[in-house]
Structures are given as C-alpha cells and as structure tokens.
Amino acid sequence: MPKTRRKKPRAVQRYVTISTVCEVYRLRPQTLRIYERRGLIRHEEGILEDGRKTVLYGDRDLQRIRMICSLTRDLGVNLAGIEVIVRLLDRLEKGPSPIAEDY
C-alpha cells in the first residue's frame, strides 16, 4: 500500500487590534504609525462587531514589533539602524540576489 503524504495544516493568521499591541508592548499608537510610515510594519483594516473600523496587526507584524522593541530597548538601536536591519532581513528572506543588482 503506497504511503500518502499528509498536508501540513496551514497556520491560522491571528490579528490583534492596535490598542492591544500598544498595551502589550508599551507603545503609543503614534509610534506604530511612525513604523508604518517608514515601511517597517503594515496594518490591515478590520471591522469590529459594532461596525467600527479598526487597525489590526498580523503575526508577521507582531514579530517585527517585538524585534523592534528588543532592538531599541535592549540594544539601544535607533530608528535608522532598525530600518537597515529590517531591509537586510527582508533581502535575506527573498533569497540570494546577483551581485550586479547590488551595485
């Protein structure tokens, strides 16, 4: 009898409201908006049960926010340094690129 491969279950994307992120990570909403303007994180828009719109952050952005908080609070990295680190991480995730594209 041939073995069948089971598909791995897809991870469920969870979303968290901006107020929860601010409370958990001790940030102000303005700080998160600065990170968004700089392209470090992205938010989704959602609708609450009562029909109001809200800002939501997914798992990837929560990881990023956690990393940014660690870099700034624990290591003293400024926003410009964080931008460089995030860009490098993004490039590494995409995979290797030809040297000619870098110069």
Protein backbone atom coordinates (compact mmCIF):
# COMPACT_ATOMS: atom_id res chain seq x y z
CA MET A 1 0.00 0.00 0.00
CA PRO A 2 1.56 3.34 -1.04
CA LYS A 3 2.18 5.92 1.63
CA THR A 4 0.28 9.14 1.25
CA ARG A 5 1.70 12.40 2.36
CA ARG A 6 -0.36 14.40 4.74
CA LYS A 7 -0.59 18.07 4.11
CA LYS A 8 0.60 20.23 6.92
CA PRO A 9 -2.22 22.28 8.35
CA ARG A 10 -1.93 25.93 7.45
CA ALA A 11 -1.18 28.23 10.31
CA VAL A 12 -4.11 30.40 11.19
CA GLN A 13 -3.27 34.07 10.90
CA ARG A 14 -4.30 35.91 14.01
CA TYR A 15 -4.92 39.60 14.14
CA VAL A 16 -4.58 41.94 17.09
CA THR A 17 -6.01 45.43 17.47
CA ILE A 18 -3.76 48.46 17.73
CA SER A 19 -4.87 49.10 21.32
CA THR A 20 -3.84 45.58 22.34
CA VAL A 21 -0.44 45.95 20.66
CA CYS A 22 0.10 49.26 22.44
CA GLU A 23 -0.82 47.77 25.79
CA VAL A 24 1.26 44.59 25.44
CA TYR A 25 4.39 46.25 24.07
CA ARG A 26 4.01 49.52 25.99
CA LEU A 27 3.95 51.64 22.84
CA ARG A 28 1.92 54.63 21.77
CA PRO A 29 -0.24 54.48 18.64
CA GLN A 30 1.88 57.31 17.18
CA THR A 31 4.96 55.11 17.48
CA LEU A 32 3.30 52.34 15.49
CA ARG A 33 2.23 54.86 12.85
CA ILE A 34 5.83 56.05 12.54
CA TYR A 35 6.93 52.44 11.98
CA GLU A 36 4.24 52.13 9.30
CA ARG A 37 5.31 55.33 7.55
CA ARG A 38 8.89 54.05 7.48
CA GLY A 39 7.72 50.76 5.96
CA LEU A 40 8.78 48.63 8.93
CA ILE A 41 5.31 47.20 9.58
CA ARG A 42 1.95 47.13 7.79
CA HIS A 43 -1.52 47.03 9.22
CA GLU A 44 -4.79 45.62 7.99
CA GLU A 45 -8.12 47.30 8.42
CA GLY A 46 -10.86 45.39 10.13
CA ILE A 47 -14.39 45.95 11.28
CA LEU A 48 -15.39 45.35 14.87
CA GLU A 49 -18.61 43.65 15.88
CA ASP A 50 -20.27 47.01 16.44
CA GLY A 51 -19.38 48.11 12.89
CA ARG A 52 -16.47 50.43 13.72
CA LYS A 53 -13.28 50.27 11.69
CA THR A 54 -10.06 49.39 13.47
CA VAL A 55 -6.39 48.82 12.76
CA LEU A 56 -5.23 45.20 13.00
CA TYR A 57 -1.76 43.69 13.03
CA GLY A 58 -0.99 40.15 11.88
CA ASP A 59 1.54 37.61 13.13
CA ARG A 60 4.39 38.84 10.93
CA ASP A 61 3.95 42.42 12.07
CA LEU A 62 3.74 41.32 15.71
CA GLN A 63 7.10 39.56 15.25
CA ARG A 64 8.51 42.72 13.73
CA ILE A 65 7.17 44.90 16.54
CA ARG A 66 8.66 42.52 19.11
CA MET A 67 12.02 42.66 17.32
CA ILE A 68 11.93 46.47 17.04
CA CYS A 69 11.14 46.80 20.76
CA SER A 70 14.02 44.48 21.61
CA LEU A 71 16.45 46.36 19.36
CA THR A 72 15.51 49.77 20.74
CA ARG A 73 15.08 48.90 24.41
CA ASP A 74 17.69 46.21 24.95
CA LEU A 75 20.37 47.19 22.45
CA GLY A 76 19.81 50.93 22.03
CA VAL A 77 19.45 50.80 18.24
CA ASN A 78 17.92 53.95 16.77
CA LEU A 79 15.23 54.07 14.09
CA ALA A 80 17.72 54.47 11.23
CA GLY A 81 19.57 51.37 12.41
CA ILE A 82 16.32 49.44 12.67
CA GLU A 83 15.46 50.39 9.09
CA VAL A 84 18.79 49.00 7.89
CA ILE A 85 18.33 45.77 9.86
CA VAL A 86 14.77 45.27 8.60
CA ARG A 87 15.80 45.88 4.98
CA LEU A 88 18.62 43.35 5.32
CA LEU A 89 16.27 40.78 6.85
CA ASP A 90 13.79 41.35 4.01
CA ARG A 91 16.54 40.76 1.46
CA LEU A 92 17.63 37.58 3.22
CA GLU A 93 14.07 36.27 3.21
CA LYS A 94 13.85 36.81 -0.56
CA GLY A 95 16.95 34.75 -1.12
CA PRO A 96 20.26 35.41 -2.82
CA SER A 97 20.46 38.09 -5.46
CA PRO A 98 23.03 38.55 -8.21
CA ILE A 99 25.90 40.85 -7.21
CA ALA A 100 25.27 43.09 -10.22
CA GLU A 101 21.88 44.13 -8.81
CA ASP A 102 23.52 45.37 -5.62
CA TYR A 103 25.82 47.86 -7.37
